[in-house]
Amino acid sequence: MVDDKLPQVGWCAGLASASVRIHSFDSMRWLKILGWTAWWGLGALARAEEEKPFLYSPVTEVPEWRLLESYQGTITRAQFEDRWRRIFDPSGVLVRYLNLNDEGVEVFRDTAKTQSLFHLRFAPGEGREEKALSATSWSSEKPLLGQVICLDPGHIGGDWADVEERTFRIGRDRPVVEGELNLKTCRLLEERLKQAGAQVVWTHQGFEPTTRLRPADLYPEAIQYMLQDVKSRRFPSYSANGLIRWNAELLFYRTAEIQARARKVNEELRPDLTLCLHYNAAPWGRPGRASLASANRVVLFAHGSYTADELAFDDQKFHLFQKLLENSNPQELEIGAAIGRQFREKWGVPPEDCGNSGYAHATGASPYLWYRNLIANRLFHGPVIFVEGPYMNDRTSYSWIQAGEYEGTRLIGGKMRENIFREYADRVADGVIGLFRERQKRSPAFTNYSP
């Protein structure tokens, strides 16, 4: 289940490392603020912190704009404006931070445009060609040969499931733990992808965090996050100390963990494609109490659709530019649309409608595929498809999950079905494999005599 309307923030490697700079937080000042918090609550905590502009998302690295220098002169103004407005910023918020002309674009920290961050020179001619998927294998048996595909099972699960708030139980039934469901599905997906010739790599394969950090390491950053927007942010009804702990846990499993996975993807694995798999859930009947619903939807996300609040931060502007210049969007649209077709044709589950969400907009490639700015698809390099599978608390899906990893078929919701993990994995695999088979047929190098 994707983390909706929660802090999309960054993390830097090694809090203890003297070579990495994060938001400074003097220990004595932290203890003093923590004491005030215990006595006066969050309001006093907010008053204790000086008001200042927020340059970066909490606990993030300072963006290294120099890394974008290799893109100088590779994109035209028309290409830049098309990608910017169509994919990343349909509401036009970023223009407040830009100076744009035929020679290039300059991005600023502030809307007054007094603090320049980066200047990109446009290509005088046509720029680089649009990227598209290419078949590297001519074997109909193994259409994914030569492709490195990374699997990212959402969340951690195991002993961390309660901390992540990604588990529920109804009566004496078997607990539903999303991290475990994601892992089971990815293991079956790996089988299919390998059979089709892909090299499969993982962000993680068990129930241990990828990050070495733990919630207790993030108390100062949790306080700093809470200070950013106390008036408009909604918090659970905890004591002040409980609230700090809750935010530290949030930054641990949603920020530090995904940042650690991103470093692994970008620096070690370097895949051609990353697939992030999740199960979704319908809203509970009552807050904190799981209930079943008669509703089911499927949704996929490609990267894009930054909000005005997100673009106030330098690191968010940096990642928008990085993803825009990387130009993985054509591949994401092809792959996402292919997987969406499988859900429509094989499951008949309707797509989610994110049109009024305020944080997503339609891609136009498939009713199942939407643009959204998530931590993983923002930080992972290369094409990334986020798959939000069936609702765990839909009545039919719930009984299907409770049936476990059975062999063969059983009667589920009036239909003979394989187990839910197998069918979910097959929908994703059939989409990816079918797309590459189709690419083979279109290639001039393809021949029926291929081995």
Protein backbone atom coordinates (compact mmCIF):
# COMPACT_ATOMS: atom_id res chain seq x y z
CA MET A 1 0.00 0.00 0.00
CA VAL A 2 1.47 3.28 -1.02
CA ASP A 3 2.04 5.94 1.63
CA ASP A 4 -0.49 8.62 0.83
CA LYS A 5 -0.13 12.29 1.82
CA LEU A 6 2.71 11.55 4.22
CA PRO A 7 6.20 13.07 4.35
CA GLN A 8 7.99 12.55 1.07
CA VAL A 9 11.41 13.32 2.47
CA GLY A 10 14.96 12.26 1.92
CA TRP A 11 17.77 10.67 3.88
CA CYS A 12 21.51 10.92 3.72
CA ALA A 13 24.01 8.13 4.17
CA GLY A 14 25.33 7.73 7.70
CA LEU A 15 24.08 10.12 10.35
CA ALA A 16 27.29 9.55 12.25
CA SER A 17 29.52 10.31 9.28
CA ALA A 18 31.36 13.60 9.61
CA SER A 19 31.60 13.82 5.82
CA VAL A 20 27.82 14.07 5.39
CA ARG A 21 26.04 17.28 6.24
CA ILE A 22 22.43 17.25 7.36
CA HIS A 23 20.28 19.80 9.13
CA SER A 24 22.37 20.70 12.18
CA PHE A 25 20.73 19.93 15.51
CA ASP A 26 22.72 20.66 18.66
CA SER A 27 22.19 17.91 21.26
CA MET A 28 21.70 20.28 24.22
CA ARG A 29 19.24 22.35 22.20
CA TRP A 30 17.39 19.15 21.27
CA LEU A 31 17.12 18.09 24.95
CA LYS A 32 15.91 21.55 25.89
CA ILE A 33 13.24 21.51 23.18
CA LEU A 34 12.25 17.99 24.17
CA GLY A 35 11.78 19.15 27.76
CA TRP A 36 9.63 22.07 26.64
CA THR A 37 7.62 19.67 24.52
CA ALA A 38 6.84 17.44 27.48
CA TRP A 39 5.58 20.43 29.50
CA TRP A 40 3.96 22.67 26.94
CA GLY A 41 3.11 20.38 24.01
CA LEU A 42 3.71 20.85 20.35
CA GLY A 43 2.66 24.49 20.34
CA ALA A 44 5.54 25.44 22.63
CA LEU A 45 7.89 23.33 20.53
CA ALA A 46 6.89 25.28 17.47
CA ARG A 47 7.51 28.59 19.24
CA ALA A 48 10.95 27.38 20.35
CA GLU A 49 12.15 27.04 16.77
CA GLU A 50 13.04 30.13 14.75
CA GLU A 51 10.94 30.65 11.67
CA LYS A 52 13.02 30.14 8.56
CA PRO A 53 12.49 29.00 4.99
CA PHE A 54 12.73 25.25 4.45
CA LEU A 55 15.34 24.62 1.80
CA TYR A 56 15.33 20.83 1.87
CA SER A 57 12.95 18.08 2.85
CA PRO A 58 13.74 16.79 6.36
CA VAL A 59 16.90 14.69 6.77
CA THR A 60 17.93 14.93 3.15
CA GLU A 61 21.25 15.40 1.43
CA VAL A 62 22.03 18.76 -0.11
CA PRO A 63 21.30 18.33 -3.85
CA GLU A 64 24.39 18.08 -6.04
CA TRP A 65 23.35 20.09 -9.08
CA ARG A 66 26.76 19.53 -10.67
CA LEU A 67 25.61 15.97 -11.41
CA LEU A 68 23.31 17.42 -14.07
CA GLU A 69 26.14 19.07 -16.02
CA SER A 70 26.38 16.07 -18.38
CA TYR A 71 22.92 17.02 -19.71
CA GLN A 72 24.03 20.45 -20.92
CA GLY A 73 23.00 20.99 -24.54
CA THR A 74 21.10 17.69 -24.80
CA ILE A 75 17.50 18.93 -24.76
CA THR A 76 15.68 21.66 -26.67
CA ARG A 77 13.41 24.25 -25.15
CA ALA A 78 10.38 22.58 -26.74
CA GLN A 79 11.34 19.19 -25.27
CA PHE A 80 11.94 20.71 -21.84
CA GLU A 81 8.60 22.53 -21.77
CA ASP A 82 6.69 19.52 -23.02
CA ARG A 83 8.07 17.17 -20.36
CA TRP A 84 7.85 19.76 -17.59
CA ARG A 85 4.20 20.69 -18.16
CA ARG A 86 2.85 17.32 -19.33
CA ILE A 87 4.57 15.03 -16.81
CA PHE A 88 5.97 16.80 -13.79
CA ASP A 89 4.08 20.04 -13.20
CA PRO A 90 0.68 20.22 -14.94
CA SER A 91 -0.45 23.09 -12.68
CA GLY A 92 2.52 25.27 -13.68
CA VAL A 93 3.87 25.89 -10.17
CA LEU A 94 7.54 25.49 -11.12
CA VAL A 95 7.44 28.57 -13.36
CA ARG A 96 7.61 30.69 -10.20
CA TYR A 97 11.17 29.43 -9.72
CA LEU A 98 12.36 29.61 -13.34
CA ASN A 99 13.85 32.04 -15.81
CA LEU A 100 13.20 30.54 -19.22
CA ASN A 101 14.31 31.67 -22.67
CA ASP A 102 15.43 30.15 -25.97
CA GLU A 103 19.02 29.69 -24.74
CA GLY A 104 18.27 27.86 -21.52
CA VAL A 105 16.48 27.68 -18.19
CA GLU A 106 17.67 28.79 -14.77
CA VAL A 107 16.08 27.39 -11.60
CA PHE A 108 16.04 29.38 -8.36
CA ARG A 109 15.59 28.54 -4.70
CA ASP A 110 13.07 31.31 -4.13
CA THR A 111 10.14 32.79 -6.02
CA ALA A 112 11.85 36.20 -5.92
CA LYS A 113 14.55 34.53 -8.05
CA THR A 114 17.47 35.87 -6.05
CA GLN A 115 19.26 32.56 -5.29
CA SER A 116 20.20 30.60 -8.39
CA LEU A 117 20.55 26.81 -8.13
CA PHE A 118 21.31 25.64 -11.66
CA HIS A 119 21.40 26.83 -15.25
CA LEU A 120 20.66 24.41 -18.09
CA ARG A 121 21.67 25.27 -21.65
CA PHE A 122 19.31 24.07 -24.35
CA ALA A 123 20.40 22.19 -27.45
CA PRO A 124 20.47 24.45 -30.54
CA GLY A 125 19.14 21.68 -32.78
CA GLU A 126 16.86 18.73 -32.18
CA GLY A 127 18.35 17.39 -28.92
CA ARG A 128 18.64 13.76 -28.00
CA GLU A 129 16.07 11.35 -29.37
CA GLU A 130 13.27 10.10 -27.12
CA LYS A 131 14.13 6.90 -25.30
CA ALA A 132 12.06 3.81 -26.02
CA LEU A 133 12.23 0.19 -25.03
CA SER A 134 14.43 -1.91 -27.25
CA ALA A 135 14.53 -5.69 -27.50
CA THR A 136 18.02 -7.02 -26.77
CA SER A 137 17.03 -10.67 -27.25
CA TRP A 138 15.87 -12.38 -30.42
CA SER A 139 14.69 -15.53 -28.66
CA SER A 140 10.92 -15.91 -28.52
CA GLU A 141 11.45 -18.22 -25.56
CA LYS A 142 13.46 -15.62 -23.63
CA PRO A 143 12.38 -12.14 -24.73
CA LEU A 144 13.88 -10.56 -21.58
CA LEU A 145 17.40 -11.86 -22.19
CA GLY A 146 19.86 -9.05 -21.50
CA GLN A 147 17.46 -7.11 -19.27
CA VAL A 148 18.23 -6.44 -15.59
CA ILE A 149 14.97 -6.07 -13.66
CA CYS A 150 14.90 -4.98 -10.03
CA LEU A 151 12.09 -6.07 -7.70
CA ASP A 152 11.21 -3.81 -4.78
CA PRO A 153 8.68 -5.52 -2.45
CA GLY A 154 6.95 -2.67 -0.65
CA HIS A 155 7.50 -2.16 3.10
CA ILE A 156 9.53 -4.34 5.48
CA GLY A 157 7.05 -6.61 7.28
CA GLY A 158 8.07 -9.14 9.92
CA ASP A 159 8.76 -7.59 13.32
CA TRP A 160 8.39 -4.12 11.77
CA ALA A 161 4.84 -4.56 10.43
CA ASP A 162 3.17 -2.93 13.43
CA VAL A 163 5.57 0.02 13.35
CA GLU A 164 4.84 0.45 9.63
CA GLU A 165 1.07 0.29 10.28
CA ARG A 166 0.80 -2.17 7.39
CA THR A 167 -0.89 -5.09 9.14
CA PHE A 168 -4.39 -5.89 10.35
CA ARG A 169 -6.37 -8.79 11.74
CA ILE A 170 -10.08 -9.53 11.77
CA GLY A 171 -11.24 -11.77 14.58
CA ARG A 172 -9.10 -14.87 14.86
CA ASP A 173 -8.20 -14.96 11.19
CA ARG A 174 -4.62 -15.08 10.01
CA PRO A 175 -3.03 -11.59 10.27
CA VAL A 176 -2.69 -9.76 6.95
CA VAL A 177 0.82 -8.28 6.75
CA GLU A 178 1.41 -6.30 3.58
CA GLY A 179 5.20 -6.64 3.62
CA GLU A 180 4.82 -10.43 3.59
CA LEU A 181 2.24 -10.36 0.78
CA ASN A 182 4.54 -8.19 -1.35
CA LEU A 183 7.49 -10.52 -0.77
CA LYS A 184 5.51 -13.67 -1.66
CA THR A 185 4.27 -12.06 -4.87
CA CYS A 186 7.74 -10.87 -5.88
CA ARG A 187 9.21 -14.35 -5.40
CA LEU A 188 6.70 -15.74 -7.90
CA LEU A 189 7.27 -12.80 -10.22
CA GLU A 190 11.01 -13.51 -10.12
CA GLU A 191 10.37 -17.05 -11.39
CA ARG A 192 8.44 -15.78 -14.42
CA LEU A 193 10.94 -13.06 -15.29
CA LYS A 194 13.91 -15.44 -15.03
CA GLN A 195 12.16 -17.99 -17.22
CA ALA A 196 11.84 -15.23 -19.82
CA GLY A 197 15.60 -14.57 -19.65
CA ALA A 198 15.84 -11.57 -17.30
CA GLN A 199 18.49 -11.10 -14.65
CA VAL A 200 16.48 -10.33 -11.51
CA VAL A 201 17.92 -8.28 -8.64
CA TRP A 202 16.25 -7.15 -5.41
CA THR A 203 16.24 -4.14 -3.11
CA HIS A 204 15.63 -6.58 -0.23
CA GLN A 205 14.50 -10.19 0.14
CA GLY A 206 13.61 -10.65 3.80
CA PHE A 207 12.06 -8.90 6.77
CA GLU A 208 15.10 -6.91 7.88
CA PRO A 209 15.42 -3.19 7.06
CA THR A 210 17.82 -2.19 4.32
CA THR A 211 18.87 0.87 6.32
CA ARG A 212 21.15 0.52 9.33
CA LEU A 213 19.26 3.32 11.07
CA ARG A 214 16.50 2.74 13.62
CA PRO A 215 13.72 5.04 14.90
CA ALA A 216 15.75 6.01 17.98
CA ASP A 217 18.41 7.48 15.67
CA LEU A 218 15.87 9.87 14.16
CA TYR A 219 14.39 11.71 17.14
CA PRO A 220 16.08 15.06 16.33
CA GLU A 221 14.92 14.85 12.71
CA ALA A 222 11.41 13.91 13.86
CA ILE A 223 11.23 17.08 15.94
CA GLN A 224 12.50 19.14 13.04
CA TYR A 225 9.92 17.61 10.71
CA MET A 226 7.12 18.42 13.16
CA LEU A 227 8.26 22.03 13.35
CA GLN A 228 7.91 22.62 9.65
CA ASP A 229 4.16 23.09 9.38
CA VAL A 230 2.51 22.63 12.77
CA LYS A 231 -0.64 24.57 11.96
CA SER A 232 -1.73 22.65 8.86
CA ARG A 233 -0.30 19.19 9.55
CA ARG A 234 -2.53 16.55 11.14
CA PHE A 235 -1.04 14.39 13.85
CA PRO A 236 -2.36 11.42 15.82
CA SER A 237 -3.66 12.12 19.32
CA TYR A 238 -0.50 11.19 21.21
CA SER A 239 1.38 12.75 24.07
CA ALA A 240 4.20 15.05 22.99
CA ASN A 241 6.84 12.37 23.53
CA GLY A 242 4.65 9.78 21.82
CA LEU A 243 4.23 12.13 18.89
CA ILE A 244 8.00 12.48 18.51
CA ARG A 245 8.37 8.70 18.62
CA TRP A 246 5.62 8.26 15.99
CA ASN A 247 7.33 10.73 13.64
CA ALA A 248 10.73 9.08 14.19
CA GLU A 249 9.20 5.74 13.19
CA LEU A 250 7.65 7.41 10.15
CA LEU A 251 11.01 8.76 9.02
CA PHE A 252 12.62 5.37 9.66
CA TYR A 253 10.40 3.12 7.56
CA ARG A 254 9.29 5.59 4.95
CA THR A 255 12.36 7.74 4.47
CA ALA A 256 15.55 6.14 5.72
CA GLU A 257 14.50 2.73 4.42
CA ILE A 258 13.60 3.90 0.92
CA GLN A 259 16.72 6.08 0.74
CA ALA A 260 18.84 3.03 1.56
CA ARG A 261 17.10 1.05 -1.16
CA ALA A 262 17.65 3.91 -3.61
CA ARG A 263 21.39 3.93 -2.93
CA LYS A 264 21.47 0.17 -3.56
CA VAL A 265 19.53 0.52 -6.82
CA ASN A 266 21.52 3.47 -8.14
CA GLU A 267 25.03 2.55 -7.01
CA GLU A 268 25.08 -1.27 -7.02
CA LEU A 269 22.23 -2.84 -8.99
CA ARG A 270 21.79 -0.34 -11.87
CA PRO A 271 18.75 -2.11 -13.38
CA ASP A 272 17.07 -1.45 -16.71
CA LEU A 273 13.69 -1.41 -14.94
CA THR A 274 12.45 -1.37 -11.34
CA LEU A 275 9.07 -2.82 -10.33
CA CYS A 276 7.73 -1.73 -6.92
CA LEU A 277 4.95 -4.07 -5.78
CA HIS A 278 2.30 -3.27 -3.16
CA TYR A 279 -1.15 -4.37 -2.08
CA ASN A 280 -3.70 -1.64 -1.47
CA ALA A 281 -6.60 -1.17 0.96
CA ALA A 282 -9.96 0.54 0.99
CA PRO A 283 -10.53 3.06 3.82
CA TRP A 284 -11.37 1.45 7.15
CA GLY A 285 -14.88 1.81 8.51
CA ARG A 286 -13.55 3.32 11.73
CA PRO A 287 -10.11 4.82 12.34
CA GLY A 288 -7.68 2.20 13.59
CA ARG A 289 -10.14 -0.68 13.19
CA ALA A 290 -9.94 -2.88 10.13
CA SER A 291 -13.15 -3.72 8.31
CA LEU A 292 -14.03 -5.42 5.05
CA ALA A 293 -15.45 -3.59 2.05
CA SER A 294 -17.08 -4.61 -1.20
CA ALA A 295 -14.75 -2.61 -3.42
CA ASN A 296 -11.59 -3.34 -5.35
CA ARG A 297 -9.37 -1.25 -7.59
CA VAL A 298 -5.92 -1.42 -9.17
CA VAL A 299 -3.62 1.50 -9.91
CA LEU A 300 -0.09 1.97 -11.29
CA PHE A 301 2.14 5.03 -10.95
CA ALA A 302 4.77 6.51 -13.23
CA HIS A 303 6.88 9.36 -11.92
CA GLY A 304 5.56 12.92 -12.13
CA SER A 305 2.91 15.29 -10.75
CA TYR A 306 4.83 17.39 -8.22
CA THR A 307 2.72 19.52 -5.88
CA ALA A 308 3.27 23.18 -4.97
CA ASP A 309 4.30 22.21 -1.42
CA GLU A 310 6.89 19.76 -2.74
CA LEU A 311 8.41 22.24 -5.17
CA ALA A 312 9.18 24.66 -2.35
CA PHE A 313 12.10 22.36 -1.46
CA ASP A 314 15.42 22.45 -3.30
CA ASP A 315 15.84 18.67 -3.31
CA GLN A 316 12.42 18.19 -4.93
CA LYS A 317 13.34 20.68 -7.67
CA PHE A 318 16.61 18.81 -8.17
CA HIS A 319 14.94 15.43 -8.57
CA LEU A 320 12.36 16.88 -10.95
CA PHE A 321 15.17 18.16 -13.18
CA GLN A 322 17.09 14.89 -12.85
CA LYS A 323 14.10 12.74 -13.84
CA LEU A 324 13.09 15.14 -16.61
CA LEU A 325 16.58 15.01 -18.15
CA GLU A 326 16.97 11.27 -17.58
CA ASN A 327 13.77 10.86 -19.63
CA SER A 328 12.60 7.45 -18.47
CA ASN A 329 9.01 8.49 -19.06
CA PRO A 330 8.52 6.82 -22.47
CA GLN A 331 9.55 3.44 -21.02
CA GLU A 332 7.37 3.91 -17.94
CA LEU A 333 4.33 4.64 -20.09
CA GLU A 334 4.90 1.57 -22.27
CA ILE A 335 5.45 -0.79 -19.35
CA GLY A 336 2.68 0.65 -17.19
CA ALA A 337 0.14 0.49 -19.99
CA ALA A 338 1.10 -3.12 -20.80
CA ILE A 339 0.63 -4.21 -17.17
CA GLY A 340 -2.64 -2.27 -16.97
CA ARG A 341 -3.98 -4.18 -19.96
CA GLN A 342 -3.34 -7.45 -18.14
CA PHE A 343 -5.31 -6.32 -15.11
CA ARG A 344 -8.19 -5.26 -17.34
CA GLU A 345 -8.26 -8.34 -19.56
CA LYS A 346 -7.45 -11.07 -17.02
CA TRP A 347 -8.95 -9.71 -13.80
CA GLY A 348 -11.48 -7.14 -14.95
CA VAL A 349 -10.72 -5.06 -11.84
CA PRO A 350 -11.57 -1.39 -12.49
CA PRO A 351 -8.82 1.25 -12.29
CA GLU A 352 -8.46 3.67 -9.41
CA ASP A 353 -9.57 7.23 -10.17
CA CYS A 354 -6.97 9.64 -8.77
CA GLY A 355 -8.29 12.64 -10.68
CA ASN A 356 -9.43 14.63 -7.63
CA SER A 357 -6.62 13.60 -5.33
CA GLY A 358 -4.52 16.75 -5.74
CA TYR A 359 -1.32 14.70 -5.95
CA ALA A 360 -1.74 12.69 -9.18
CA HIS A 361 -2.84 13.24 -12.77
CA ALA A 362 -3.64 10.95 -15.70
CA THR A 363 -0.89 9.81 -18.05
CA GLY A 364 -3.26 9.22 -20.98
CA ALA A 365 -1.46 5.93 -21.72
CA SER A 366 -3.85 3.77 -19.70
CA PRO A 367 -6.73 4.41 -17.27
CA TYR A 368 -4.75 2.33 -14.77
CA LEU A 369 -1.57 4.43 -15.03
CA TRP A 370 -1.22 7.79 -13.25
CA TYR A 371 1.60 10.23 -12.63
CA ARG A 372 2.60 10.61 -8.99
CA ASN A 373 5.67 11.82 -7.11
CA LEU A 374 6.58 9.05 -4.66
CA ILE A 375 9.85 8.66 -2.77
CA ALA A 376 10.86 5.49 -4.59
CA ASN A 377 10.04 6.53 -8.14
CA ARG A 378 11.66 9.90 -7.45
CA LEU A 379 14.93 8.52 -6.03
CA PHE A 380 15.37 5.31 -8.03
CA HIS A 381 17.19 5.99 -11.31
CA GLY A 382 15.80 4.62 -14.55
CA PRO A 383 12.25 3.53 -15.37
CA VAL A 384 10.18 2.73 -12.27
CA ILE A 385 6.65 1.35 -12.19
CA PHE A 386 4.76 1.37 -8.91
CA VAL A 387 2.05 -1.33 -8.88
CA GLU A 388 -0.75 -1.06 -6.32
CA GLY A 389 -2.50 -4.41 -6.44
CA PRO A 390 -5.82 -5.58 -5.02
CA TYR A 391 -7.39 -4.17 -1.86
CA MET A 392 -6.41 -6.38 1.06
CA ASN A 393 -9.67 -5.65 2.85
CA ASP A 394 -11.96 -6.22 -0.13
CA ARG A 395 -14.17 -9.18 0.83
CA THR A 396 -13.16 -11.31 -2.14
CA SER A 397 -9.46 -10.40 -1.95
CA TYR A 398 -9.44 -10.97 1.81
CA SER A 399 -10.80 -14.50 1.51
CA TRP A 400 -8.32 -15.09 -1.33
CA ILE A 401 -5.43 -13.96 0.89
CA GLN A 402 -6.67 -16.08 3.78
CA ALA A 403 -6.61 -19.15 1.49
CA GLY A 404 -2.81 -18.83 1.32
CA GLU A 405 -0.41 -20.21 -1.30
CA TYR A 406 -2.47 -23.24 -2.31
CA GLU A 407 -1.66 -25.40 -5.34
CA GLY A 408 -3.95 -25.60 -8.35
CA THR A 409 -7.24 -23.72 -8.33
CA ARG A 410 -10.03 -23.06 -5.84
CA LEU A 411 -13.41 -21.40 -5.96
CA ILE A 412 -12.82 -17.77 -4.96
CA GLY A 413 -15.57 -15.18 -5.37
CA GLY A 414 -17.54 -17.48 -7.66
CA LYS A 415 -14.56 -18.22 -9.96
CA MET A 416 -11.92 -20.94 -10.08
CA ARG A 417 -8.70 -19.12 -9.28
CA GLU A 418 -5.04 -19.84 -8.64
CA ASN A 419 -3.71 -18.37 -5.40
CA ILE A 420 -3.70 -14.57 -5.27
CA PHE A 421 0.10 -14.28 -5.18
CA ARG A 422 0.48 -16.34 -8.34
CA GLU A 423 -2.22 -14.45 -10.23
CA TYR A 424 -0.92 -11.03 -9.17
CA ALA A 425 2.63 -11.99 -10.19
CA ASP A 426 1.38 -13.35 -13.52
CA ARG A 427 -0.48 -10.15 -14.36
CA VAL A 428 2.71 -8.11 -13.93
CA ALA A 429 4.94 -10.68 -15.65
CA ASP A 430 2.57 -11.11 -18.60
CA GLY A 431 2.54 -7.35 -19.12
CA VAL A 432 6.34 -6.99 -19.13
CA ILE A 433 7.08 -10.16 -21.11
CA GLY A 434 4.31 -9.50 -23.63
CA LEU A 435 5.60 -5.99 -24.27
CA PHE A 436 9.13 -7.22 -25.03
CA ARG A 437 7.78 -9.96 -27.30
CA GLU A 438 5.86 -7.32 -29.21
CA ARG A 439 9.02 -5.19 -29.40
CA GLN A 440 10.89 -8.12 -30.91
CA LYS A 441 8.32 -8.49 -33.67
CA ARG A 442 8.55 -4.81 -34.54
CA SER A 443 12.35 -4.80 -34.70
CA PRO A 444 13.92 -5.02 -38.20
CA ALA A 445 16.46 -7.46 -36.74
CA PHE A 446 13.77 -9.98 -35.76
CA THR A 447 13.49 -13.20 -37.72
CA ASN A 448 11.43 -16.36 -37.27
CA TYR A 449 14.70 -18.28 -37.43
CA SER A 450 15.98 -16.73 -34.21
CA PRO A 451 17.28 -19.40 -31.80
